[in-house]
Structure formats: C-alpha cells, structure tokens
Amino acid sequence: MGQLPGTGNTQSAAVYNTTTFTVYALGLKGCKSLQPATITVEVVPELTSPLADVEMCVGDRVTLDAGAGPNYSYQWSTGEVTQTINVDELGIYTVTIKNGYCEKTFTAHVLAAASPFVTNVDYSNNTLTITAEVPMINNIPQTVEYSVDGGISWQPSNVFTNLQNNTTYHIQVRTVGTHCVGALEFFTLHISNIITPNEDGVNDTLDLTALGAFKNFTGSIYDRYGTEMFRFSKENPIWNGTVGGKRLPTATYWYKFNFQYPKSQVNMSQSGWIMLKNRE
C-alpha cells in the first residue's frame, strides 16, 4: 500500500510499479474518516521494439521484426498485423504497437546495400586474378563469389586459369546469397613483344584484329623519336613491320592504342615497346 504525503486535495507522485494508495477524509477539526478510499495505479511495461534500419540488395527480401511483448498487437504501414513482415522494396516502413493501455509507432528504413566492385584485374600466362572491394551489409562482413562468363557459373576463388588470349570476359563479383553484383568487362589482351616478319608463320605481324570490334578503336606505332610509323584502324588492324610497303630496320618501336567497351563504355588504353627483327 502506498501513502501520499500531505493533505491537499491533489497529490502528485512518481510511480514505477503498480501501487495502491489509501485516501482518508479529514474534517475541519482534524477528524479522520473511519474507512479510507483506495486508488490503484497500474503500471504497464514500456512499449519497446528491436525494429531498426536495414540494408538489402535490390531484388532481395528482408524480414522486419517488431519484437514480442505482453499483449502486443501490430499495425504495419503495409496493412499487415503480424509481428514480422517480409519486404522486397526499398523505403520507409512503420509499425504501431498497442498493448491495451498504450500505443507507440516505430520506424525502419530499408536501404540499398552497396555491391562489391572490382578494383583490379591482373592477367598473364592465361591466368586472370580479380581483386574486389567487398562492403559490409548491416555491419556484417560478407563473402563473395566470382564469375567470368556473365554469371552463368560461379566459384569462390578469385583466380581463373586456362583463359583465352585476346578474348572479352564478363567478370562479375557477387555477395553470396544476395543479388548484390559488381560487373566489369575485361579483354585478355596479349601482345607478343617481338615480331619477325620472315613469313614463317610465327610472330610475323602485330595483329590487333580482335580490338577492331570495339568502339573507338585507334592505335599507332612510333619509332624511338616519336615519329608515327603506322596507324591502326578497324579496316587496317595488322602491322607487318613495314611503312608504305618498305621494311623498317630492326629496332625497338613503341605502340599505343585505345578502345571502348560497348556495355560499360569504359575507355581502355594500352602502350608498350615491341622489338622488330626484320630481314635487312
């Protein structure tokens, strides 16, 4: 039983647990009533919910949980009345919880999760190694898997062997169990560092025919003084070590060319040195 201090008509008290108060009537001469009145103040637990903002990849589904409590009933902004709901769209979701005495509204934002993305690709000896940045989702580290055929087949390793030179591969990196995917086109460029135009069928030319299929393909061969010796084009993508039909002397030459991937429209450039061994 609780007892309020003082004798005023109105009393205030901080109540943290269900408490019954007794009230006596006092006459002008100080006489107290024989039978008190009782007032019970019932304290119910505060409405709480674990509902919080979450991240998901577009195309996935997440579960929003309003949490359980004594006599809880639920009204979601989606119209559902269950403790949990599954959503597949980004946006703001609210749930109003009632327990028969109080009600409170809680809010969750469903946000787009960041996809993994390729930061570097190394290619040599028909082996391609992918380096990717893997963002966390909902502050949880993620595991990724890799594909070089546009998502047809996947593997946990970021190393692919026995690939073909001068071939376009459609690299994808995916967070396991989600639709979070990062993509990149990559051309496995391989240029021999020497050409010997002796018509033996081995390294007779510098052949960039495969690059001719790319948009904005351009390129040139320069001598060591920076003079352009040959210009590549889609119609003329092969250099045989000559200029105007005349053989160039044996020397080291510099090449440079550019092209653009059709889907991503990423511009690529390549430059380097090549040894020409010509018959004198």
C-alpha atoms as a PDB file:
ATOM      1  CA  MET A   1       0.000   0.000   0.000  1.00  0.00           C
ATOM      2  CA  GLY A   2       1.302   3.445  -0.843  1.00  0.00           C
ATOM      3  CA  GLN A   3       0.780   6.588   1.150  1.00  0.00           C
ATOM      4  CA  LEU A   4       0.925  10.094  -0.216  1.00  0.00           C
ATOM      5  CA  PRO A   5       2.458  12.839   1.855  1.00  0.00           C
ATOM      6  CA  GLY A   6       0.464  15.964   2.664  1.00  0.00           C
ATOM      7  CA  THR A   7      -3.247  16.696   2.981  1.00  0.00           C
ATOM      8  CA  GLY A   8      -4.121  18.658  -0.165  1.00  0.00           C
ATOM      9  CA  ASN A   9      -6.987  17.821  -2.470  1.00  0.00           C
ATOM     10  CA  THR A  10      -4.491  16.957  -5.256  1.00  0.00           C
ATOM     11  CA  GLN A  11      -1.350  14.920  -4.810  1.00  0.00           C
ATOM     12  CA  SER A  12       1.471  14.006  -7.243  1.00  0.00           C
ATOM     13  CA  ALA A  13       3.746  11.004  -7.046  1.00  0.00           C
ATOM     14  CA  ALA A  14       6.247   9.219  -9.285  1.00  0.00           C
ATOM     15  CA  VAL A  15       5.020   5.664  -9.738  1.00  0.00           C
ATOM     16  CA  TYR A  16       7.335   2.965 -11.153  1.00  0.00           C
ATOM     17  CA  ASN A  17       5.423  -0.148 -10.128  1.00  0.00           C
ATOM     18  CA  THR A  18       1.741  -0.936  -9.748  1.00  0.00           C
ATOM     19  CA  THR A  19       0.786   0.715  -6.421  1.00  0.00           C
ATOM     20  CA  THR A  20      -2.417   1.055  -4.340  1.00  0.00           C
ATOM     21  CA  PHE A  21      -2.833   4.342  -2.441  1.00  0.00           C
ATOM     22  CA  THR A  22      -5.141   4.925   0.544  1.00  0.00           C
ATOM     23  CA  VAL A  23      -7.059   8.180   0.928  1.00  0.00           C
ATOM     24  CA  TYR A  24      -8.736   9.359   4.164  1.00  0.00           C
ATOM     25  CA  ALA A  25     -11.108  12.278   4.513  1.00  0.00           C
ATOM     26  CA  LEU A  26     -10.174  14.843   7.193  1.00  0.00           C
ATOM     27  CA  GLY A  27     -12.783  17.022   8.849  1.00  0.00           C
ATOM     28  CA  LEU A  28     -12.317  20.673   9.769  1.00  0.00           C
ATOM     29  CA  LYS A  29     -11.426  19.681  13.297  1.00  0.00           C
ATOM     30  CA  GLY A  30      -8.963  17.031  12.208  1.00  0.00           C
ATOM     31  CA  CYS A  31     -11.199  14.015  12.453  1.00  0.00           C
ATOM     32  CA  LYS A  32     -10.254  11.233  10.023  1.00  0.00           C
ATOM     33  CA  SER A  33     -12.799   9.058   8.269  1.00  0.00           C
ATOM     34  CA  LEU A  34     -13.034   5.524   9.538  1.00  0.00           C
ATOM     35  CA  GLN A  35     -12.986   3.863   6.102  1.00  0.00           C
ATOM     36  CA  PRO A  36     -10.363   5.038   3.586  1.00  0.00           C
ATOM     37  CA  ALA A  37     -10.785   5.053  -0.161  1.00  0.00           C
ATOM     38  CA  THR A  38      -8.240   3.077  -2.183  1.00  0.00           C
ATOM     39  CA  ILE A  39      -6.807   4.044  -5.531  1.00  0.00           C
ATOM     40  CA  THR A  40      -4.689   1.561  -7.511  1.00  0.00           C
ATOM     41  CA  VAL A  41      -2.317   2.934 -10.150  1.00  0.00           C
ATOM     42  CA  GLU A  42      -1.360   0.101 -12.530  1.00  0.00           C
ATOM     43  CA  VAL A  43       1.991   0.491 -14.274  1.00  0.00           C
ATOM     44  CA  VAL A  44       2.420  -1.413 -17.543  1.00  0.00           C
ATOM     45  CA  PRO A  45       5.830  -2.067 -19.177  1.00  0.00           C
ATOM     46  CA  GLU A  46       7.067   0.494 -21.714  1.00  0.00           C
ATOM     47  CA  LEU A  47       6.460  -0.453 -25.340  1.00  0.00           C
ATOM     48  CA  THR A  48       9.769  -1.413 -26.935  1.00  0.00           C
ATOM     49  CA  SER A  49      10.811  -2.813 -30.316  1.00  0.00           C
ATOM     50  CA  PRO A  50      14.087  -4.061 -31.854  1.00  0.00           C
ATOM     51  CA  LEU A  51      12.997  -2.661 -35.244  1.00  0.00           C
ATOM     52  CA  ALA A  52      15.972  -0.957 -36.901  1.00  0.00           C
ATOM     53  CA  ASP A  53      17.199   0.272 -40.280  1.00  0.00           C
ATOM     54  CA  VAL A  54      18.450  -2.495 -42.567  1.00  0.00           C
ATOM     55  CA  GLU A  55      20.239  -2.793 -45.900  1.00  0.00           C
ATOM     56  CA  MET A  56      19.382  -5.113 -48.738  1.00  0.00           C
ATOM     57  CA  CYS A  57      20.321  -5.599 -52.365  1.00  0.00           C
ATOM     58  CA  VAL A  58      17.745  -4.708 -54.995  1.00  0.00           C
ATOM     59  CA  GLY A  59      15.988  -7.950 -55.910  1.00  0.00           C
ATOM     60  CA  ASP A  60      16.291  -9.460 -52.426  1.00  0.00           C
ATOM     61  CA  ARG A  61      13.885  -9.691 -49.473  1.00  0.00           C
ATOM     62  CA  VAL A  62      14.422  -8.824 -45.809  1.00  0.00           C
ATOM     63  CA  THR A  63      12.416  -9.546 -42.681  1.00  0.00           C
ATOM     64  CA  LEU A  64      11.369  -6.679 -40.411  1.00  0.00           C
ATOM     65  CA  ASP A  65      10.712  -7.755 -36.825  1.00  0.00           C
ATOM     66  CA  ALA A  66       8.720  -5.504 -34.479  1.00  0.00           C
ATOM     67  CA  GLY A  67       9.556  -7.697 -31.473  1.00  0.00           C
ATOM     68  CA  ALA A  68       7.339  -9.501 -28.975  1.00  0.00           C
ATOM     69  CA  GLY A  69       5.820  -8.194 -25.754  1.00  0.00           C
ATOM     70  CA  PRO A  70       2.900  -8.748 -23.340  1.00  0.00           C
ATOM     71  CA  ASN A  71      -0.425  -8.285 -25.137  1.00  0.00           C
ATOM     72  CA  TYR A  72       1.279  -6.692 -28.160  1.00  0.00           C
ATOM     73  CA  SER A  73      -0.780  -6.102 -31.289  1.00  0.00           C
ATOM     74  CA  TYR A  74       0.667  -4.721 -34.513  1.00  0.00           C
ATOM     75  CA  GLN A  75      -0.382  -2.479 -37.368  1.00  0.00           C
ATOM     76  CA  TRP A  76       2.175  -2.045 -40.155  1.00  0.00           C
ATOM     77  CA  SER A  77       2.146   0.676 -42.792  1.00  0.00           C
ATOM     78  CA  THR A  78       1.791  -2.153 -45.308  1.00  0.00           C
ATOM     79  CA  GLY A  79      -1.513  -3.191 -43.731  1.00  0.00           C
ATOM     80  CA  GLU A  80      -0.123  -6.358 -42.156  1.00  0.00           C
ATOM     81  CA  VAL A  81      -0.807  -7.159 -38.498  1.00  0.00           C
ATOM     82  CA  THR A  82       1.865  -9.767 -37.737  1.00  0.00           C
ATOM     83  CA  GLN A  83       4.975  -9.374 -35.595  1.00  0.00           C
ATOM     84  CA  THR A  84       7.246  -9.786 -38.638  1.00  0.00           C
ATOM     85  CA  ILE A  85       6.818  -8.859 -42.289  1.00  0.00           C
ATOM     86  CA  ASN A  86       8.885  -9.636 -45.401  1.00  0.00           C
ATOM     87  CA  VAL A  87       9.591  -6.747 -47.767  1.00  0.00           C
ATOM     88  CA  ASP A  88      11.275  -6.604 -51.168  1.00  0.00           C
ATOM     89  CA  GLU A  89      11.229  -2.867 -51.855  1.00  0.00           C
ATOM     90  CA  LEU A  90      13.406  -0.072 -50.534  1.00  0.00           C
ATOM     91  CA  GLY A  91      11.616   2.548 -48.470  1.00  0.00           C
ATOM     92  CA  ILE A  92      10.315   3.557 -45.050  1.00  0.00           C
ATOM     93  CA  TYR A  93       8.177   1.147 -43.023  1.00  0.00           C
ATOM     94  CA  THR A  94       6.328   1.866 -39.771  1.00  0.00           C
ATOM     95  CA  VAL A  95       4.574  -0.311 -37.209  1.00  0.00           C
ATOM     96  CA  THR A  96       2.243   0.838 -34.447  1.00  0.00           C
ATOM     97  CA  ILE A  97       2.294  -1.405 -31.372  1.00  0.00           C
ATOM     98  CA  LYS A  98      -0.507  -1.481 -28.806  1.00  0.00           C
ATOM     99  CA  ASN A  99      -0.801  -3.429 -25.549  1.00  0.00           C
ATOM    100  CA  GLY A 100      -4.317  -2.468 -24.428  1.00  0.00           C
ATOM    101  CA  TYR A 101      -3.115   0.582 -22.489  1.00  0.00           C
ATOM    102  CA  CYS A 102      -0.537   2.379 -24.649  1.00  0.00           C
ATOM    103  CA  GLU A 103       0.495   2.628 -28.255  1.00  0.00           C
ATOM    104  CA  LYS A 104       3.722   3.652 -29.928  1.00  0.00           C
ATOM    105  CA  THR A 105       4.932   3.851 -33.534  1.00  0.00           C
ATOM    106  CA  PHE A 106       8.360   2.602 -34.622  1.00  0.00           C
ATOM    107  CA  THR A 107      10.090   3.237 -37.968  1.00  0.00           C
ATOM    108  CA  ALA A 108      12.622   1.319 -40.092  1.00  0.00           C
ATOM    109  CA  HIS A 109      14.382   2.428 -43.282  1.00  0.00           C
ATOM    110  CA  VAL A 110      15.145  -0.295 -45.810  1.00  0.00           C
ATOM    111  CA  LEU A 111      18.227   0.988 -47.626  1.00  0.00           C
ATOM    112  CA  ALA A 112      20.123  -0.169 -50.684  1.00  0.00           C
ATOM    113  CA  ALA A 113      23.192  -2.213 -49.789  1.00  0.00           C
ATOM    114  CA  ALA A 114      26.463  -1.480 -51.567  1.00  0.00           C
ATOM    115  CA  SER A 115      27.544  -4.057 -54.130  1.00  0.00           C
ATOM    116  CA  PRO A 116      31.077  -5.457 -54.337  1.00  0.00           C
ATOM    117  CA  PHE A 117      33.160  -3.919 -57.093  1.00  0.00           C
ATOM    118  CA  VAL A 118      36.275  -4.903 -58.991  1.00  0.00           C
ATOM    119  CA  THR A 119      39.295  -2.782 -58.072  1.00  0.00           C
ATOM    120  CA  ASN A 120      41.958  -4.555 -60.111  1.00  0.00           C
ATOM    121  CA  VAL A 121      42.397  -7.315 -62.686  1.00  0.00           C
ATOM    122  CA  ASP A 122      45.746  -8.979 -63.412  1.00  0.00           C
ATOM    123  CA  TYR A 123      46.181 -11.146 -66.482  1.00  0.00           C
ATOM    124  CA  SER A 124      49.245 -13.093 -67.537  1.00  0.00           C
ATOM    125  CA  ASN A 125      50.039 -16.604 -68.762  1.00  0.00           C
ATOM    126  CA  ASN A 126      46.328 -17.228 -69.418  1.00  0.00           C
ATOM    127  CA  THR A 127      45.549 -16.673 -65.725  1.00  0.00           C
ATOM    128  CA  LEU A 128      43.239 -13.912 -64.535  1.00  0.00           C
ATOM    129  CA  THR A 129      43.230 -12.712 -60.916  1.00  0.00           C
ATOM    130  CA  ILE A 130      40.421 -10.468 -59.681  1.00  0.00           C
ATOM    131  CA  THR A 131      40.722  -8.069 -56.754  1.00  0.00           C
ATOM    132  CA  ALA A 132      37.415  -6.796 -55.362  1.00  0.00           C
ATOM    133  CA  GLU A 133      36.240  -4.454 -52.631  1.00  0.00           C
ATOM    134  CA  VAL A 134      33.552  -6.135 -50.524  1.00  0.00           C
ATOM    135  CA  PRO A 135      31.340  -3.747 -48.495  1.00  0.00           C
ATOM    136  CA  MET A 136      29.684  -4.970 -45.306  1.00  0.00           C
ATOM    137  CA  ILE A 137      25.896  -5.345 -45.218  1.00  0.00           C
ATOM    138  CA  ASN A 138      24.195  -4.324 -41.957  1.00  0.00           C
ATOM    139  CA  ASN A 139      27.707  -4.095 -40.464  1.00  0.00           C
ATOM    140  CA  ILE A 140      28.305  -7.799 -41.122  1.00  0.00           C
ATOM    141  CA  PRO A 141      31.330  -8.894 -43.239  1.00  0.00           C
ATOM    142  CA  GLN A 142      30.276 -10.635 -46.438  1.00  0.00           C
ATOM    143  CA  THR A 143      31.630 -13.493 -48.557  1.00  0.00           C
ATOM    144  CA  VAL A 144      31.792 -13.123 -52.332  1.00  0.00           C
ATOM    145  CA  GLU A 145      31.972 -15.422 -55.341  1.00  0.00           C
ATOM    146  CA  TYR A 146      33.290 -14.807 -58.841  1.00  0.00           C
ATOM    147  CA  SER A 147      32.262 -15.404 -62.443  1.00  0.00           C
ATOM    148  CA  VAL A 148      33.901 -14.649 -65.801  1.00  0.00           C
ATOM    149  CA  ASP A 149      31.047 -15.819 -68.019  1.00  0.00           C
ATOM    150  CA  GLY A 150      28.475 -13.210 -67.087  1.00  0.00           C
ATOM    151  CA  GLY A 151      27.062 -15.074 -64.091  1.00  0.00           C
ATOM    152  CA  ILE A 152      26.435 -18.470 -65.684  1.00  0.00           C
ATOM    153  CA  SER A 153      28.895 -20.239 -63.397  1.00  0.00           C
ATOM    154  CA  TRP A 154      30.421 -19.120 -60.107  1.00  0.00           C
ATOM    155  CA  GLN A 155      33.400 -20.063 -57.968  1.00  0.00           C
ATOM    156  CA  PRO A 156      34.696 -18.953 -54.548  1.00  0.00           C
ATOM    157  CA  SER A 157      38.229 -18.405 -55.870  1.00  0.00           C
ATOM    158  CA  ASN A 158      39.195 -15.099 -57.488  1.00  0.00           C
ATOM    159  CA  VAL A 159      41.723 -16.837 -59.772  1.00  0.00           C
ATOM    160  CA  PHE A 160      40.729 -18.204 -63.198  1.00  0.00           C
ATOM    161  CA  THR A 161      43.133 -20.301 -65.250  1.00  0.00           C
ATOM    162  CA  ASN A 162      43.279 -21.547 -68.836  1.00  0.00           C
ATOM    163  CA  LEU A 163      41.621 -18.442 -70.272  1.00  0.00           C
ATOM    164  CA  GLN A 164      41.973 -17.472 -73.918  1.00  0.00           C
ATOM    165  CA  ASN A 165      44.130 -14.555 -75.039  1.00  0.00           C
ATOM    166  CA  ASN A 166      42.513 -11.601 -76.802  1.00  0.00           C
ATOM    167  CA  THR A 167      39.038 -12.520 -75.613  1.00  0.00           C
ATOM    168  CA  THR A 168      36.395 -10.439 -73.808  1.00  0.00           C
ATOM    169  CA  TYR A 169      35.318 -11.860 -70.454  1.00  0.00           C
ATOM    170  CA  HIS A 170      32.329 -10.572 -68.493  1.00  0.00           C
ATOM    171  CA  ILE A 171      33.545 -10.517 -64.903  1.00  0.00           C
ATOM    172  CA  GLN A 172      31.047 -10.480 -62.043  1.00  0.00           C
ATOM    173  CA  VAL A 173      31.570 -10.412 -58.277  1.00  0.00           C
ATOM    174  CA  ARG A 174      28.543 -11.306 -56.145  1.00  0.00           C
ATOM    175  CA  THR A 175      27.875 -11.193 -52.422  1.00  0.00           C
ATOM    176  CA  VAL A 176      26.929 -14.778 -51.575  1.00  0.00           C
ATOM    177  CA  GLY A 177      23.213 -15.259 -51.013  1.00  0.00           C
ATOM    178  CA  THR A 178      22.219 -11.870 -52.430  1.00  0.00           C
ATOM    179  CA  HIS A 179      21.644 -10.006 -55.675  1.00  0.00           C
ATOM    180  CA  CYS A 180      24.489  -7.566 -54.918  1.00  0.00           C
ATOM    181  CA  VAL A 181      26.656  -7.868 -58.037  1.00  0.00           C
ATOM    182  CA  GLY A 182      29.528  -5.824 -59.400  1.00  0.00           C
ATOM    183  CA  ALA A 183      30.378  -6.269 -63.086  1.00  0.00           C
ATOM    184  CA  LEU A 184      33.275  -5.463 -65.391  1.00  0.00           C
ATOM    185  CA  GLU A 185      34.163  -6.310 -68.964  1.00  0.00           C
ATOM    186  CA  PHE A 186      37.779  -7.321 -69.484  1.00  0.00           C
ATOM    187  CA  PHE A 187      39.743  -8.049 -72.635  1.00  0.00           C
ATOM    188  CA  THR A 188      42.583 -10.527 -72.111  1.00  0.00           C
ATOM    189  CA  LEU A 189      44.995  -8.585 -74.223  1.00  0.00           C
ATOM    190  CA  HIS A 190      48.145 -10.439 -75.206  1.00  0.00           C
ATOM    191  CA  ILE A 191      50.758  -8.848 -77.433  1.00  0.00           C
ATOM    192  CA  SER A 192      53.969 -10.573 -78.359  1.00  0.00           C
ATOM    193  CA  ASN A 193      56.917  -8.352 -77.524  1.00  0.00           C
ATOM    194  CA  ILE A 194      58.668  -9.277 -80.740  1.00  0.00           C
ATOM    195  CA  ILE A 195      57.696  -9.605 -84.377  1.00  0.00           C
ATOM    196  CA  THR A 196      59.846 -11.232 -87.057  1.00  0.00           C
ATOM    197  CA  PRO A 197      58.250 -10.683 -90.485  1.00  0.00           C
ATOM    198  CA  ASN A 198      60.093 -13.539 -92.219  1.00  0.00           C
ATOM    199  CA  GLU A 199      56.909 -15.244 -93.423  1.00  0.00           C
ATOM    200  CA  ASP A 200      57.487 -18.369 -91.342  1.00  0.00           C
ATOM    201  CA  GLY A 201      54.037 -18.064 -89.809  1.00  0.00           C
ATOM    202  CA  VAL A 202      55.381 -17.272 -86.329  1.00  0.00           C
ATOM    203  CA  ASN A 203      55.171 -13.702 -84.978  1.00  0.00           C
ATOM    204  CA  ASP A 204      55.102 -12.275 -88.499  1.00  0.00           C
ATOM    205  CA  THR A 205      52.786  -9.406 -87.553  1.00  0.00           C
ATOM    206  CA  LEU A 206      51.303  -7.380 -84.724  1.00  0.00           C
ATOM    207  CA  ASP A 207      47.655  -8.307 -85.168  1.00  0.00           C
ATOM    208  CA  LEU A 208      45.002  -6.223 -83.373  1.00  0.00           C
ATOM    209  CA  THR A 209      42.061  -7.579 -85.359  1.00  0.00           C
ATOM    210  CA  ALA A 210      40.280  -8.574 -82.137  1.00  0.00           C
ATOM    211  CA  LEU A 211      40.292  -4.950 -80.987  1.00  0.00           C
ATOM    212  CA  GLY A 212      38.675  -3.795 -84.195  1.00  0.00           C
ATOM    213  CA  ALA A 213      35.323  -4.994 -82.861  1.00  0.00           C
ATOM    214  CA  PHE A 214      35.476  -2.426 -80.041  1.00  0.00           C
ATOM    215  CA  LYS A 215      34.129   1.085 -80.304  1.00  0.00           C
ATOM    216  CA  ASN A 216      36.569   3.971 -80.822  1.00  0.00           C
ATOM    217  CA  PHE A 217      39.477   1.665 -81.612  1.00  0.00           C
ATOM    218  CA  THR A 218      42.596   3.637 -82.581  1.00  0.00           C
ATOM    219  CA  GLY A 219      46.317   2.960 -82.355  1.00  0.00           C
ATOM    220  CA  SER A 220      49.738   3.769 -83.726  1.00  0.00           C
ATOM    221  CA  ILE A 221      53.334   2.540 -83.963  1.00  0.00           C
ATOM    222  CA  TYR A 222      56.115   5.066 -83.268  1.00  0.00           C
ATOM    223  CA  ASP A 223      59.868   4.975 -83.651  1.00  0.00           C
ATOM    224  CA  ARG A 224      62.134   5.945 -80.777  1.00  0.00           C
ATOM    225  CA  TYR A 225      61.971   9.591 -81.847  1.00  0.00           C
ATOM    226  CA  GLY A 226      58.165   9.677 -81.575  1.00  0.00           C
ATOM    227  CA  THR A 227      57.504   9.652 -85.315  1.00  0.00           C
ATOM    228  CA  GLU A 228      54.353   7.749 -86.254  1.00  0.00           C
ATOM    229  CA  MET A 229      55.263   4.770 -88.431  1.00  0.00           C
ATOM    230  CA  PHE A 230      51.884   3.064 -88.753  1.00  0.00           C
ATOM    231  CA  ARG A 231      48.284   3.805 -87.799  1.00  0.00           C
ATOM    232  CA  PHE A 232      45.852   1.047 -86.810  1.00  0.00           C
ATOM    233  CA  SER A 233      42.178   1.145 -87.718  1.00  0.00           C
ATOM    234  CA  LYS A 234      39.246  -1.219 -87.828  1.00  0.00           C
ATOM    235  CA  GLU A 235      39.889  -1.642 -91.550  1.00  0.00           C
ATOM    236  CA  ASN A 236      43.646  -1.999 -91.148  1.00  0.00           C
ATOM    237  CA  PRO A 237      44.411  -3.628 -87.760  1.00  0.00           C
ATOM    238  CA  ILE A 238      47.601  -5.529 -88.697  1.00  0.00           C
ATOM    239  CA  TRP A 239      51.160  -4.189 -88.809  1.00  0.00           C
ATOM    240  CA  ASN A 240      53.753  -6.281 -90.620  1.00  0.00           C
ATOM    241  CA  GLY A 241      56.824  -4.195 -89.818  1.00  0.00           C
ATOM    242  CA  THR A 242      56.682  -2.015 -92.933  1.00  0.00           C
ATOM    243  CA  VAL A 243      55.884   1.590 -93.770  1.00  0.00           C
ATOM    244  CA  GLY A 244      54.494   2.275 -97.219  1.00  0.00           C
ATOM    245  CA  GLY A 245      55.484  -1.242 -98.259  1.00  0.00           C
ATOM    246  CA  LYS A 246      59.092  -0.768 -97.178  1.00  0.00           C
ATOM    247  CA  ARG A 247      60.624  -2.822 -94.397  1.00  0.00           C
ATOM    248  CA  LEU A 248      61.681  -0.911 -91.313  1.00  0.00           C
ATOM    249  CA  PRO A 249      65.094  -1.604 -89.800  1.00  0.00           C
ATOM    250  CA  THR A 250      65.485  -3.873 -86.822  1.00  0.00           C
ATOM    251  CA  ALA A 251      64.835  -1.756 -83.726  1.00  0.00           C
ATOM    252  CA  THR A 252      62.574  -1.266 -80.751  1.00  0.00           C
ATOM    253  CA  TYR A 253      59.321   0.535 -81.510  1.00  0.00           C
ATOM    254  CA  TRP A 254      56.614   1.977 -79.300  1.00  0.00           C
ATOM    255  CA  TYR A 255      52.932   1.140 -79.668  1.00  0.00           C
ATOM    256  CA  LYS A 256      49.869   2.813 -78.221  1.00  0.00           C
ATOM    257  CA  PHE A 257      46.179   2.113 -78.801  1.00  0.00           C
ATOM    258  CA  ASN A 258      42.763   2.792 -77.305  1.00  0.00           C
ATOM    259  CA  PHE A 259      39.342   1.167 -77.355  1.00  0.00           C
ATOM    260  CA  GLN A 260      35.996   1.342 -75.535  1.00  0.00           C
ATOM    261  CA  TYR A 261      33.980  -1.476 -74.006  1.00  0.00           C
ATOM    262  CA  PRO A 262      30.493  -1.432 -75.584  1.00  0.00           C
ATOM    263  CA  LYS A 263      28.387  -2.083 -72.443  1.00  0.00           C
ATOM    264  CA  SER A 264      30.175  -0.160 -69.738  1.00  0.00           C
ATOM    265  CA  GLN A 265      31.574   2.438 -72.178  1.00  0.00           C
ATOM    266  CA  VAL A 266      34.814   2.354 -70.192  1.00  0.00           C
ATOM    267  CA  ASN A 267      37.750   3.622 -72.235  1.00  0.00           C
ATOM    268  CA  MET A 268      40.860   1.462 -72.184  1.00  0.00           C
ATOM    269  CA  SER A 269      44.354   2.293 -73.352  1.00  0.00           C
ATOM    270  CA  GLN A 270      47.475   0.228 -73.764  1.00  0.00           C
ATOM    271  CA  SER A 271      51.040   1.150 -74.574  1.00  0.00           C
ATOM    272  CA  GLY A 272      54.405  -0.556 -74.599  1.00  0.00           C
ATOM    273  CA  TRP A 273      57.502  -1.499 -76.560  1.00  0.00           C
ATOM    274  CA  ILE A 274      57.930  -4.136 -79.230  1.00  0.00           C
ATOM    275  CA  MET A 275      61.095  -5.420 -80.880  1.00  0.00           C
ATOM    276  CA  LEU A 276      61.013  -5.608 -84.666  1.00  0.00           C
ATOM    277  CA  LYS A 277      63.555  -8.033 -86.160  1.00  0.00           C
ATOM    278  CA  ASN A 278      63.408  -7.529 -89.891  1.00  0.00           C
ATOM    279  CA  ARG A 279      65.466  -9.018 -92.651  1.00  0.00           C
ATOM    280  CA  GLU A 280      67.989  -6.419 -93.690  1.00  0.00           C
END
